[in-house]
Amino acid sequence: MKSYRDLIVWQKSVHMVTQVYQLISKFPDEEKYGLTSQIKRSSVSVSSNIAEGYGRNYTKDYARFLQIARGSLFEMQTQLQIAVNLDFIQDKDLEEIKNLSTEIEKMLNVLIKKLLN
């Protein structure tokens, strides 16, 4: 593996960000600096932390950044559920993102476990 770009979990997380941005473009304008901004930051944080952790020369640092990425993933999932509860989007609109985020979560768990064992 030459780069973090070769990691499938990173590739999937970048794809997820694209889907999230497309979905939240439908949010009300008054949410531009509220929930929309929070969702953008948390979704981008997943792939960013995977990449940053990969760049560390210490295995425990890498695992820590992957844990942060997982936390950002959970944060994004929570924020999207709040958006559903507020009727900004429909639950059915989240199906693909939910499936992808669950897959990313599992991949992060496996990678973290491998690094810490």
PDB file of N, CA and C in Angstrom:
ATOM      1  N   MET A   1       0.846  -1.158   0.000  1.00  0.00           N
ATOM      2  CA  MET A   1       0.000   0.000   0.000  1.00  0.00           C
ATOM      3  C   MET A   1       0.901   1.234   0.000  1.00  0.00           C
ATOM      4  N   LYS A   2       0.730   2.066  -0.999  1.00  0.00           N
ATOM      5  CA  LYS A   2       1.592   3.231  -1.162  1.00  0.00           C
ATOM      6  C   LYS A   2       1.047   4.483  -0.492  1.00  0.00           C
ATOM      7  N   SER A   3      -0.257   4.537  -0.329  1.00  0.00           N
ATOM      8  CA  SER A   3      -0.883   5.767   0.150  1.00  0.00           C
ATOM      9  C   SER A   3      -2.202   5.450   0.859  1.00  0.00           C
ATOM     10  N   TYR A   4      -2.651   6.397   1.655  1.00  0.00           N
ATOM     11  CA  TYR A   4      -3.967   6.266   2.276  1.00  0.00           C
ATOM     12  C   TYR A   4      -5.051   6.186   1.213  1.00  0.00           C
ATOM     13  N   ARG A   5      -4.767   6.711   0.032  1.00  0.00           N
ATOM     14  CA  ARG A   5      -5.745   6.683  -1.064  1.00  0.00           C
ATOM     15  C   ARG A   5      -6.049   5.257  -1.523  1.00  0.00           C
ATOM     16  N   ASP A   6      -5.157   4.330  -1.191  1.00  0.00           N
ATOM     17  CA  ASP A   6      -5.353   2.921  -1.537  1.00  0.00           C
ATOM     18  C   ASP A   6      -6.296   2.214  -0.568  1.00  0.00           C
ATOM     19  N   LEU A   7      -6.545   2.822   0.577  1.00  0.00           N
ATOM     20  CA  LEU A   7      -7.429   2.220   1.581  1.00  0.00           C
ATOM     21  C   LEU A   7      -8.885   2.291   1.113  1.00  0.00           C
ATOM     22  N   ILE A   8      -9.529   1.158   1.061  1.00  0.00           N
ATOM     23  CA  ILE A   8     -10.933   1.123   0.622  1.00  0.00           C
ATOM     24  C   ILE A   8     -11.812   1.914   1.588  1.00  0.00           C
ATOM     25  N   VAL A   9     -11.500   1.858   2.877  1.00  0.00           N
ATOM     26  CA  VAL A   9     -12.301   2.598   3.854  1.00  0.00           C
ATOM     27  C   VAL A   9     -12.200   4.101   3.593  1.00  0.00           C
ATOM     28  N   TRP A  10     -11.042   4.575   3.187  1.00  0.00           N
ATOM     29  CA  TRP A  10     -10.892   6.000   2.853  1.00  0.00           C
ATOM     30  C   TRP A  10     -11.701   6.322   1.589  1.00  0.00           C
ATOM     31  N   GLN A  11     -11.593   5.465   0.576  1.00  0.00           N
ATOM     32  CA  GLN A  11     -12.327   5.687  -0.679  1.00  0.00           C
ATOM     33  C   GLN A  11     -13.833   5.746  -0.428  1.00  0.00           C
ATOM     34  N   LYS A  12     -14.323   4.820   0.388  1.00  0.00           N
ATOM     35  CA  LYS A  12     -15.754   4.796   0.696  1.00  0.00           C
ATOM     36  C   LYS A  12     -16.173   6.026   1.503  1.00  0.00           C
ATOM     37  N   SER A  13     -15.311   6.468   2.402  1.00  0.00           N
ATOM     38  CA  SER A  13     -15.664   7.634   3.219  1.00  0.00           C
ATOM     39  C   SER A  13     -15.693   8.907   2.371  1.00  0.00           C
ATOM     40  N   VAL A  14     -14.823   9.012   1.388  1.00  0.00           N
ATOM     41  CA  VAL A  14     -14.853  10.163   0.477  1.00  0.00           C
ATOM     42  C   VAL A  14     -16.135  10.119  -0.366  1.00  0.00           C
ATOM     43  N   HIS A  15     -16.498   8.943  -0.807  1.00  0.00           N
ATOM     44  CA  HIS A  15     -17.752   8.787  -1.568  1.00  0.00           C
ATOM     45  C   HIS A  15     -18.953   9.184  -0.699  1.00  0.00           C
ATOM     46  N   MET A  16     -18.903   8.808   0.568  1.00  0.00           N
ATOM     47  CA  MET A  16     -19.990   9.147   1.483  1.00  0.00           C
ATOM     48  C   MET A  16     -20.133  10.659   1.624  1.00  0.00           C
ATOM     49  N   VAL A  17     -19.017  11.375   1.694  1.00  0.00           N
ATOM     50  CA  VAL A  17     -19.067  12.832   1.803  1.00  0.00           C
ATOM     51  C   VAL A  17     -19.810  13.426   0.609  1.00  0.00           C
ATOM     52  N   THR A  18     -19.526  12.911  -0.578  1.00  0.00           N
ATOM     53  CA  THR A  18     -20.203  13.393  -1.783  1.00  0.00           C
ATOM     54  C   THR A  18     -21.712  13.180  -1.669  1.00  0.00           C
ATOM     55  N   GLN A  19     -22.107  12.013  -1.208  1.00  0.00           N
ATOM     56  CA  GLN A  19     -23.535  11.722  -1.038  1.00  0.00           C
ATOM     57  C   GLN A  19     -24.167  12.632   0.011  1.00  0.00           C
ATOM     58  N   VAL A  20     -23.452  12.857   1.095  1.00  0.00           N
ATOM     59  CA  VAL A  20     -23.969  13.715   2.166  1.00  0.00           C
ATOM     60  C   VAL A  20     -24.165  15.136   1.649  1.00  0.00           C
ATOM     61  N   TYR A  21     -23.190  15.673   0.945  1.00  0.00           N
ATOM     62  CA  TYR A  21     -23.309  17.031   0.415  1.00  0.00           C
ATOM     63  C   TYR A  21     -24.501  17.153  -0.536  1.00  0.00           C
ATOM     64  N   GLN A  22     -24.689  16.150  -1.372  1.00  0.00           N
ATOM     65  CA  GLN A  22     -25.831  16.173  -2.291  1.00  0.00           C
ATOM     66  C   GLN A  22     -27.146  16.143  -1.519  1.00  0.00           C
ATOM     67  N   LEU A  23     -27.198  15.346  -0.476  1.00  0.00           N
ATOM     68  CA  LEU A  23     -28.423  15.226   0.317  1.00  0.00           C
ATOM     69  C   LEU A  23     -28.739  16.516   1.062  1.00  0.00           C
ATOM     70  N   ILE A  24     -27.748  17.107   1.701  1.00  0.00           N
ATOM     71  CA  ILE A  24     -28.041  18.278   2.528  1.00  0.00           C
ATOM     72  C   ILE A  24     -28.208  19.554   1.713  1.00  0.00           C
ATOM     73  N   SER A  25     -27.948  19.481   0.432  1.00  0.00           N
ATOM     74  CA  SER A  25     -28.206  20.651  -0.416  1.00  0.00           C
ATOM     75  C   SER A  25     -29.705  20.972  -0.453  1.00  0.00           C
ATOM     76  N   LYS A  26     -30.524  20.013  -0.014  1.00  0.00           N
ATOM     77  CA  LYS A  26     -31.983  20.193   0.012  1.00  0.00           C
ATOM     78  C   LYS A  26     -32.475  20.820   1.317  1.00  0.00           C
ATOM     79  N   PHE A  27     -31.562  21.029   2.274  1.00  0.00           N
ATOM     80  CA  PHE A  27     -31.955  21.597   3.569  1.00  0.00           C
ATOM     81  C   PHE A  27     -32.407  23.049   3.396  1.00  0.00           C
ATOM     82  N   PRO A  28     -33.208  23.543   4.326  1.00  0.00           N
ATOM     83  CA  PRO A  28     -33.624  24.948   4.269  1.00  0.00           C
ATOM     84  C   PRO A  28     -32.413  25.884   4.363  1.00  0.00           C
ATOM     85  N   ASP A  29     -32.512  27.034   3.712  1.00  0.00           N
ATOM     86  CA  ASP A  29     -31.412  28.001   3.708  1.00  0.00           C
ATOM     87  C   ASP A  29     -31.025  28.461   5.109  1.00  0.00           C
ATOM     88  N   GLU A  30     -31.996  28.556   5.994  1.00  0.00           N
ATOM     89  CA  GLU A  30     -31.690  29.032   7.347  1.00  0.00           C
ATOM     90  C   GLU A  30     -30.818  28.050   8.131  1.00  0.00           C
ATOM     91  N   GLU A  31     -30.643  26.843   7.621  1.00  0.00           N
ATOM     92  CA  GLU A  31     -29.787  25.851   8.282  1.00  0.00           C
ATOM     93  C   GLU A  31     -28.356  25.867   7.750  1.00  0.00           C
ATOM     94  N   LYS A  32     -28.060  26.806   6.857  1.00  0.00           N
ATOM     95  CA  LYS A  32     -26.741  26.859   6.230  1.00  0.00           C
ATOM     96  C   LYS A  32     -25.607  26.895   7.254  1.00  0.00           C
ATOM     97  N   TYR A  33     -25.787  27.638   8.329  1.00  0.00           N
ATOM     98  CA  TYR A  33     -24.733  27.761   9.332  1.00  0.00           C
ATOM     99  C   TYR A  33     -25.033  26.960  10.592  1.00  0.00           C
ATOM    100  N   GLY A  34     -26.088  26.181  10.553  1.00  0.00           N
ATOM    101  CA  GLY A  34     -26.465  25.363  11.697  1.00  0.00           C
ATOM    102  C   GLY A  34     -26.153  23.900  11.431  1.00  0.00           C
ATOM    103  N   LEU A  35     -27.212  23.128  11.329  1.00  0.00           N
ATOM    104  CA  LEU A  35     -27.076  21.688  11.168  1.00  0.00           C
ATOM    105  C   LEU A  35     -26.320  21.317   9.886  1.00  0.00           C
ATOM    106  N   THR A  36     -26.559  22.035   8.820  1.00  0.00           N
ATOM    107  CA  THR A  36     -25.870  21.756   7.554  1.00  0.00           C
ATOM    108  C   THR A  36     -24.356  21.833   7.732  1.00  0.00           C
ATOM    109  N   SER A  37     -23.911  22.877   8.385  1.00  0.00           N
ATOM    110  CA  SER A  37     -22.485  23.064   8.621  1.00  0.00           C
ATOM    111  C   SER A  37     -21.911  21.942   9.486  1.00  0.00           C
ATOM    112  N   GLN A  38     -22.642  21.555  10.521  1.00  0.00           N
ATOM    113  CA  GLN A  38     -22.197  20.481  11.413  1.00  0.00           C
ATOM    114  C   GLN A  38     -22.073  19.156  10.665  1.00  0.00           C
ATOM    115  N   ILE A  39     -23.056  18.863   9.830  1.00  0.00           N
ATOM    116  CA  ILE A  39     -23.043  17.605   9.072  1.00  0.00           C
ATOM    117  C   ILE A  39     -21.874  17.581   8.094  1.00  0.00           C
ATOM    118  N   LYS A  40     -21.634  18.705   7.437  1.00  0.00           N
ATOM    119  CA  LYS A  40     -20.505  18.775   6.514  1.00  0.00           C
ATOM    120  C   LYS A  40     -19.195  18.506   7.241  1.00  0.00           C
ATOM    121  N   ARG A  41     -19.001  19.172   8.366  1.00  0.00           N
ATOM    122  CA  ARG A  41     -17.748  19.022   9.107  1.00  0.00           C
ATOM    123  C   ARG A  41     -17.550  17.592   9.602  1.00  0.00           C
ATOM    124  N   SER A  42     -18.592  17.000  10.151  1.00  0.00           N
ATOM    125  CA  SER A  42     -18.431  15.642  10.680  1.00  0.00           C
ATOM    126  C   SER A  42     -18.206  14.623   9.564  1.00  0.00           C
ATOM    127  N   SER A  43     -18.887  14.792   8.425  1.00  0.00           N
ATOM    128  CA  SER A  43     -18.694  13.833   7.331  1.00  0.00           C
ATOM    129  C   SER A  43     -17.290  13.954   6.732  1.00  0.00           C
ATOM    130  N   VAL A  44     -16.803  15.165   6.566  1.00  0.00           N
ATOM    131  CA  VAL A  44     -15.461  15.380   6.023  1.00  0.00           C
ATOM    132  C   VAL A  44     -14.398  14.877   7.001  1.00  0.00           C
ATOM    133  N   SER A  45     -14.693  14.973   8.272  1.00  0.00           N
ATOM    134  CA  SER A  45     -13.748  14.561   9.310  1.00  0.00           C
ATOM    135  C   SER A  45     -13.425  13.070   9.236  1.00  0.00           C
ATOM    136  N   VAL A  46     -14.340  12.266   8.767  1.00  0.00           N
ATOM    137  CA  VAL A  46     -14.108  10.816   8.708  1.00  0.00           C
ATOM    138  C   VAL A  46     -12.921  10.520   7.793  1.00  0.00           C
ATOM    139  N   SER A  47     -13.008  10.915   6.541  1.00  0.00           N
ATOM    140  CA  SER A  47     -11.913  10.628   5.601  1.00  0.00           C
ATOM    141  C   SER A  47     -10.650  11.400   5.956  1.00  0.00           C
ATOM    142  N   SER A  48     -10.796  12.594   6.481  1.00  0.00           N
ATOM    143  CA  SER A  48      -9.635  13.405   6.853  1.00  0.00           C
ATOM    144  C   SER A  48      -8.824  12.740   7.965  1.00  0.00           C
ATOM    145  N   ASN A  49      -9.505  12.191   8.958  1.00  0.00           N
ATOM    146  CA  ASN A  49      -8.807  11.532  10.055  1.00  0.00           C
ATOM    147  C   ASN A  49      -8.194  10.203   9.635  1.00  0.00           C
ATOM    148  N   ILE A  50      -8.830   9.516   8.711  1.00  0.00           N
ATOM    149  CA  ILE A  50      -8.229   8.290   8.170  1.00  0.00           C
ATOM    150  C   ILE A  50      -6.912   8.646   7.482  1.00  0.00           C
ATOM    151  N   ALA A  51      -6.927   9.691   6.674  1.00  0.00           N
ATOM    152  CA  ALA A  51      -5.725  10.110   5.956  1.00  0.00           C
ATOM    153  C   ALA A  51      -4.644  10.610   6.916  1.00  0.00           C
ATOM    154  N   GLU A  52      -5.031  11.444   7.866  1.00  0.00           N
ATOM    155  CA  GLU A  52      -4.046  11.986   8.796  1.00  0.00           C
ATOM    156  C   GLU A  52      -3.411  10.879   9.639  1.00  0.00           C
ATOM    157  N   GLY A  53      -4.229   9.958  10.103  1.00  0.00           N
ATOM    158  CA  GLY A  53      -3.697   8.851  10.885  1.00  0.00           C
ATOM    159  C   GLY A  53      -2.732   7.996  10.091  1.00  0.00           C
ATOM    160  N   TYR A  54      -3.029   7.789   8.831  1.00  0.00           N
ATOM    161  CA  TYR A  54      -2.145   7.002   7.961  1.00  0.00           C
ATOM    162  C   TYR A  54      -0.773   7.659   7.858  1.00  0.00           C
ATOM    163  N   GLY A  55      -0.774   8.974   7.887  1.00  0.00           N
ATOM    164  CA  GLY A  55       0.472   9.720   7.762  1.00  0.00           C
ATOM    165  C   GLY A  55       1.339   9.717   9.009  1.00  0.00           C
ATOM    166  N   ARG A  56       0.819   9.214  10.101  1.00  0.00           N
ATOM    167  CA  ARG A  56       1.603   9.134  11.344  1.00  0.00           C
ATOM    168  C   ARG A  56       2.561   7.962  11.276  1.00  0.00           C
ATOM    169  N   ASN A  57       3.676   8.096  11.947  1.00  0.00           N
ATOM    170  CA  ASN A  57       4.679   7.032  11.938  1.00  0.00           C
ATOM    171  C   ASN A  57       4.572   6.121  13.147  1.00  0.00           C
ATOM    172  N   TYR A  58       3.487   6.236  13.861  1.00  0.00           N
ATOM    173  CA  TYR A  58       3.334   5.470  15.087  1.00  0.00           C
ATOM    174  C   TYR A  58       1.977   4.783  15.048  1.00  0.00           C
ATOM    175  N   THR A  59       1.965   3.471  15.233  1.00  0.00           N
ATOM    176  CA  THR A  59       0.753   2.671  15.101  1.00  0.00           C
ATOM    177  C   THR A  59      -0.356   3.132  16.048  1.00  0.00           C
ATOM    178  N   LYS A  60       0.005   3.455  17.281  1.00  0.00           N
ATOM    179  CA  LYS A  60      -1.022   3.884  18.239  1.00  0.00           C
ATOM    180  C   LYS A  60      -1.642   5.216  17.831  1.00  0.00           C
ATOM    181  N   ASP A  61      -0.843   6.105  17.243  1.00  0.00           N
ATOM    182  CA  ASP A  61      -1.394   7.364  16.723  1.00  0.00           C
ATOM    183  C   ASP A  61      -2.394   7.082  15.603  1.00  0.00           C
ATOM    184  N   TYR A  62      -2.012   6.187  14.713  1.00  0.00           N
ATOM    185  CA  TYR A  62      -2.891   5.830  13.601  1.00  0.00           C
ATOM    186  C   TYR A  62      -4.211   5.282  14.126  1.00  0.00           C
ATOM    187  N   ALA A  63      -4.138   4.371  15.080  1.00  0.00           N
ATOM    188  CA  ALA A  63      -5.355   3.796  15.664  1.00  0.00           C
ATOM    189  C   ALA A  63      -6.200   4.887  16.312  1.00  0.00           C
ATOM    190  N   ARG A  64      -5.559   5.828  16.989  1.00  0.00           N
ATOM    191  CA  ARG A  64      -6.294   6.922  17.642  1.00  0.00           C
ATOM    192  C   ARG A  64      -7.035   7.767  16.606  1.00  0.00           C
ATOM    193  N   PHE A  65      -6.401   8.077  15.492  1.00  0.00           N
ATOM    194  CA  PHE A  65      -7.064   8.862  14.452  1.00  0.00           C
ATOM    195  C   PHE A  65      -8.213   8.079  13.817  1.00  0.00           C
ATOM    196  N   LEU A  66      -8.066   6.774  13.716  1.00  0.00           N
ATOM    197  CA  LEU A  66      -9.171   5.955  13.210  1.00  0.00           C
ATOM    198  C   LEU A  66     -10.335   5.957  14.192  1.00  0.00           C
ATOM    199  N   GLN A  67     -10.035   5.977  15.486  1.00  0.00           N
ATOM    200  CA  GLN A  67     -11.093   6.084  16.498  1.00  0.00           C
ATOM    201  C   GLN A  67     -11.798   7.431  16.404  1.00  0.00           C
ATOM    202  N   ILE A  68     -11.041   8.475  16.140  1.00  0.00           N
ATOM    203  CA  ILE A  68     -11.640   9.805  15.959  1.00  0.00           C
ATOM    204  C   ILE A  68     -12.534   9.798  14.712  1.00  0.00           C
ATOM    205  N   ALA A  69     -12.060   9.157  13.644  1.00  0.00           N
ATOM    206  CA  ALA A  69     -12.865   9.048  12.418  1.00  0.00           C
ATOM    207  C   ALA A  69     -14.182   8.333  12.712  1.00  0.00           C
ATOM    208  N   ARG A  70     -14.100   7.263  13.504  1.00  0.00           N
ATOM    209  CA  ARG A  70     -15.313   6.527  13.876  1.00  0.00           C
ATOM    210  C   ARG A  70     -16.254   7.413  14.693  1.00  0.00           C
ATOM    211  N   GLY A  71     -15.710   8.200  15.593  1.00  0.00           N
ATOM    212  CA  GLY A  71     -16.525   9.128  16.369  1.00  0.00           C
ATOM    213  C   GLY A  71     -17.202  10.157  15.486  1.00  0.00           C
ATOM    214  N   SER A  72     -16.492  10.658  14.501  1.00  0.00           N
ATOM    215  CA  SER A  72     -17.079  11.620  13.554  1.00  0.00           C
ATOM    216  C   SER A  72     -18.188  10.968  12.738  1.00  0.00           C
ATOM    217  N   LEU A  73     -17.999   9.706  12.406  1.00  0.00           N
ATOM    218  CA  LEU A  73     -19.026   8.961  11.677  1.00  0.00           C
ATOM    219  C   LEU A  73     -20.308   8.871  12.504  1.00  0.00           C
ATOM    220  N   PHE A  74     -20.159   8.548  13.788  1.00  0.00           N
ATOM    221  CA  PHE A  74     -21.325   8.471  14.677  1.00  0.00           C
ATOM    222  C   PHE A  74     -21.986   9.840  14.833  1.00  0.00           C
ATOM    223  N   GLU A  75     -21.163  10.871  14.890  1.00  0.00           N
ATOM    224  CA  GLU A  75     -21.683  12.234  14.993  1.00  0.00           C
ATOM    225  C   GLU A  75     -22.520  12.572  13.759  1.00  0.00           C
ATOM    226  N   MET A  76     -22.003  12.243  12.580  1.00  0.00           N
ATOM    227  CA  MET A  76     -22.723  12.504  11.343  1.00  0.00           C
ATOM    228  C   MET A  76     -24.038  11.722  11.294  1.00  0.00           C
ATOM    229  N   GLN A  77     -24.002  10.447  11.705  1.00  0.00           N
ATOM    230  CA  GLN A  77     -25.226   9.639  11.714  1.00  0.00           C
ATOM    231  C   GLN A  77     -26.281  10.277  12.622  1.00  0.00           C
ATOM    232  N   THR A  78     -25.850  10.766  13.769  1.00  0.00           N
ATOM    233  CA  THR A  78     -26.766  11.409  14.714  1.00  0.00           C
ATOM    234  C   THR A  78     -27.351  12.679  14.123  1.00  0.00           C
ATOM    235  N   GLN A  79     -26.521  13.485  13.519  1.00  0.00           N
ATOM    236  CA  GLN A  79     -26.976  14.751  12.931  1.00  0.00           C
ATOM    237  C   GLN A  79     -27.956  14.510  11.783  1.00  0.00           C
ATOM    238  N   LEU A  80     -27.709  13.485  10.987  1.00  0.00           N
ATOM    239  CA  LEU A  80     -28.640  13.165   9.901  1.00  0.00           C
ATOM    240  C   LEU A  80     -29.979  12.673  10.455  1.00  0.00           C
ATOM    241  N   GLN A  81     -29.947  11.939  11.564  1.00  0.00           N
ATOM    242  CA  GLN A  81     -31.195  11.515  12.189  1.00  0.00           C
ATOM    243  C   GLN A  81     -31.971  12.725  12.715  1.00  0.00           C
ATOM    244  N   ILE A  82     -31.265  13.685  13.267  1.00  0.00           N
ATOM    245  CA  ILE A  82     -31.915  14.927  13.720  1.00  0.00           C
ATOM    246  C   ILE A  82     -32.562  15.633  12.537  1.00  0.00           C
ATOM    247  N   ALA A  83     -31.884  15.636  11.396  1.00  0.00           N
ATOM    248  CA  ALA A  83     -32.447  16.252  10.190  1.00  0.00           C
ATOM    249  C   ALA A  83     -33.733  15.551   9.759  1.00  0.00           C
ATOM    250  N   VAL A  84     -33.780  14.237   9.910  1.00  0.00           N
ATOM    251  CA  VAL A  84     -35.004  13.482   9.618  1.00  0.00           C
ATOM    252  C   VAL A  84     -36.103  13.895  10.601  1.00  0.00           C
ATOM    253  N   ASN A  85     -35.742  13.949  11.878  1.00  0.00           N
ATOM    254  CA  ASN A  85     -36.722  14.317  12.908  1.00  0.00           C
ATOM    255  C   ASN A  85     -37.291  15.709  12.688  1.00  0.00           C
ATOM    256  N   LEU A  86     -36.492  16.599  12.108  1.00  0.00           N
ATOM    257  CA  LEU A  86     -36.931  17.971  11.836  1.00  0.00           C
ATOM    258  C   LEU A  86     -37.602  18.105  10.466  1.00  0.00           C
ATOM    259  N   ASP A  87     -37.764  16.985   9.773  1.00  0.00           N
ATOM    260  CA  ASP A  87     -38.393  16.944   8.442  1.00  0.00           C
ATOM    261  C   ASP A  87     -37.619  17.718   7.373  1.00  0.00           C
ATOM    262  N   PHE A  88     -36.301  17.816   7.529  1.00  0.00           N
ATOM    263  CA  PHE A  88     -35.476  18.417   6.482  1.00  0.00           C
ATOM    264  C   PHE A  88     -35.265  17.425   5.353  1.00  0.00           C
ATOM    265  N   ILE A  89     -35.257  16.147   5.701  1.00  0.00           N
ATOM    266  CA  ILE A  89     -35.114  15.060   4.737  1.00  0.00           C
ATOM    267  C   ILE A  89     -35.987  13.901   5.208  1.00  0.00           C
ATOM    268  N   GLN A  90     -36.229  12.976   4.305  1.00  0.00           N
ATOM    269  CA  GLN A  90     -36.997  11.781   4.633  1.00  0.00           C
ATOM    270  C   GLN A  90     -36.039  10.642   4.975  1.00  0.00           C
ATOM    271  N   ASP A  91     -36.463   9.776   5.855  1.00  0.00           N
ATOM    272  CA  ASP A  91     -35.634   8.642   6.263  1.00  0.00           C
ATOM    273  C   ASP A  91     -35.225   7.804   5.058  1.00  0.00           C
ATOM    274  N   LYS A  92     -36.114   7.656   4.091  1.00  0.00           N
ATOM    275  CA  LYS A  92     -35.809   6.860   2.901  1.00  0.00           C
ATOM    276  C   LYS A  92     -34.662   7.476   2.083  1.00  0.00           C
ATOM    277  N   ASP A  93     -34.484   8.799   2.189  1.00  0.00           N
ATOM    278  CA  ASP A  93     -33.396   9.468   1.480  1.00  0.00           C
ATOM    279  C   ASP A  93     -32.035   9.128   2.068  1.00  0.00           C
ATOM    280  N   LEU A  94     -32.027   8.625   3.288  1.00  0.00           N
ATOM    281  CA  LEU A  94     -30.790   8.302   3.995  1.00  0.00           C
ATOM    282  C   LEU A  94     -30.325   6.871   3.783  1.00  0.00           C
ATOM    283  N   GLU A  95     -31.124   6.056   3.145  1.00  0.00           N
ATOM    284  CA  GLU A  95     -30.852   4.618   3.076  1.00  0.00           C
ATOM    285  C   GLU A  95     -29.444   4.299   2.578  1.00  0.00           C
ATOM    286  N   GLU A  96     -29.053   4.875   1.477  1.00  0.00           N
ATOM    287  CA  GLU A  96     -27.734   4.576   0.909  1.00  0.00           C
ATOM    288  C   GLU A  96     -26.611   5.061   1.831  1.00  0.00           C
ATOM    289  N   ILE A  97     -26.773   6.255   2.396  1.00  0.00           N
ATOM    290  CA  ILE A  97     -25.762   6.786   3.314  1.00  0.00           C
ATOM    291  C   ILE A  97     -25.696   5.941   4.580  1.00  0.00           C
ATOM    292  N   LYS A  98     -26.840   5.501   5.079  1.00  0.00           N
ATOM    293  CA  LYS A  98     -26.846   4.639   6.265  1.00  0.00           C
ATOM    294  C   LYS A  98     -26.085   3.342   6.000  1.00  0.00           C
ATOM    295  N   ASN A  99     -26.357   2.728   4.873  1.00  0.00           N
ATOM    296  CA  ASN A  99     -25.681   1.476   4.526  1.00  0.00           C
ATOM    297  C   ASN A  99     -24.176   1.677   4.377  1.00  0.00           C
ATOM    298  N   LEU A 100     -23.799   2.742   3.699  1.00  0.00           N
ATOM    299  CA  LEU A 100     -22.382   3.030   3.494  1.00  0.00           C
ATOM    300  C   LEU A 100     -21.698   3.352   4.818  1.00  0.00           C
ATOM    301  N   SER A 101     -22.351   4.125   5.668  1.00  0.00           N
ATOM    302  CA  SER A 101     -21.736   4.482   6.950  1.00  0.00           C
ATOM    303  C   SER A 101     -21.588   3.256   7.859  1.00  0.00           C
ATOM    304  N   THR A 102     -22.536   2.337   7.789  1.00  0.00           N
ATOM    305  CA  THR A 102     -22.419   1.094   8.558  1.00  0.00           C
ATOM    306  C   THR A 102     -21.239   0.270   8.062  1.00  0.00           C
ATOM    307  N   GLU A 103     -21.066   0.222   6.756  1.00  0.00           N
ATOM    308  CA  GLU A 103     -19.939  -0.502   6.163  1.00  0.00           C
ATOM    309  C   GLU A 103     -18.605   0.144   6.581  1.00  0.00           C
ATOM    310  N   ILE A 104     -18.547   1.460   6.554  1.00  0.00           N
ATOM    311  CA  ILE A 104     -17.341   2.181   6.968  1.00  0.00           C
ATOM    312  C   ILE A 104     -17.058   1.927   8.445  1.00  0.00           C
ATOM    313  N   GLU A 105     -18.092   1.950   9.251  1.00  0.00           N
ATOM    314  CA  GLU A 105     -17.953   1.680  10.682  1.00  0.00           C
ATOM    315  C   GLU A 105     -17.318   0.309  10.924  1.00  0.00           C
ATOM    316  N   LYS A 106     -17.805  -0.701  10.229  1.00  0.00           N
ATOM    317  CA  LYS A 106     -17.267  -2.050  10.378  1.00  0.00           C
ATOM    318  C   LYS A 106     -15.810  -2.120   9.925  1.00  0.00           C
ATOM    319  N   MET A 107     -15.503  -1.454   8.839  1.00  0.00           N
ATOM    320  CA  MET A 107     -14.137  -1.451   8.331  1.00  0.00           C
ATOM    321  C   MET A 107     -13.190  -0.754   9.301  1.00  0.00           C
ATOM    322  N   LEU A 108     -13.640   0.356   9.873  1.00  0.00           N
ATOM    323  CA  LEU A 108     -12.823   1.061  10.863  1.00  0.00           C
ATOM    324  C   LEU A 108     -12.592   0.185  12.090  1.00  0.00           C
ATOM    325  N   ASN A 109     -13.637  -0.492  12.539  1.00  0.00           N
ATOM    326  CA  ASN A 109     -13.505  -1.380  13.705  1.00  0.00           C
ATOM    327  C   ASN A 109     -12.450  -2.461  13.473  1.00  0.00           C
ATOM    328  N   VAL A 110     -12.489  -3.069  12.305  1.00  0.00           N
ATOM    329  CA  VAL A 110     -11.530  -4.125  11.976  1.00  0.00           C
ATOM    330  C   VAL A 110     -10.114  -3.557  11.912  1.00  0.00           C
ATOM    331  N   LEU A 111      -9.955  -2.425  11.273  1.00  0.00           N
ATOM    332  CA  LEU A 111      -8.636  -1.814  11.128  1.00  0.00           C
ATOM    333  C   LEU A 111      -8.070  -1.396  12.486  1.00  0.00           C
ATOM    334  N   ILE A 112      -8.902  -0.807  13.319  1.00  0.00           N
ATOM    335  CA  ILE A 112      -8.471  -0.418  14.664  1.00  0.00           C
ATOM    336  C   ILE A 112      -8.025  -1.649  15.453  1.00  0.00           C
ATOM    337  N   LYS A 113      -8.824  -2.705  15.385  1.00  0.00           N
ATOM    338  CA  LYS A 113      -8.516  -3.927  16.123  1.00  0.00           C
ATOM    339  C   LYS A 113      -7.176  -4.518  15.655  1.00  0.00           C
ATOM    340  N   LYS A 114      -6.955  -4.539  14.346  1.00  0.00           N
ATOM    341  CA  LYS A 114      -5.698  -5.070  13.805  1.00  0.00           C
ATOM    342  C   LYS A 114      -4.499  -4.243  14.262  1.00  0.00           C
ATOM    343  N   LEU A 115      -4.663  -2.946  14.320  1.00  0.00           N
ATOM    344  CA  LEU A 115      -3.552  -2.077  14.710  1.00  0.00           C
ATOM    345  C   LEU A 115      -3.225  -2.203  16.188  1.00  0.00           C
ATOM    346  N   LEU A 116      -4.228  -2.445  17.014  1.00  0.00           N
ATOM    347  CA  LEU A 116      -4.019  -2.480  18.455  1.00  0.00           C
ATOM    348  C   LEU A 116      -3.665  -3.864  18.987  1.00  0.00           C
ATOM    349  N   ASN A 117      -3.756  -4.891  18.163  1.00  0.00           N
ATOM    350  CA  ASN A 117      -3.393  -6.265  18.586  1.00  0.00           C
ATOM    351  C   ASN A 117      -1.998  -6.628  18.152  1.00  0.00           C
TER     352      ASN A 117
END
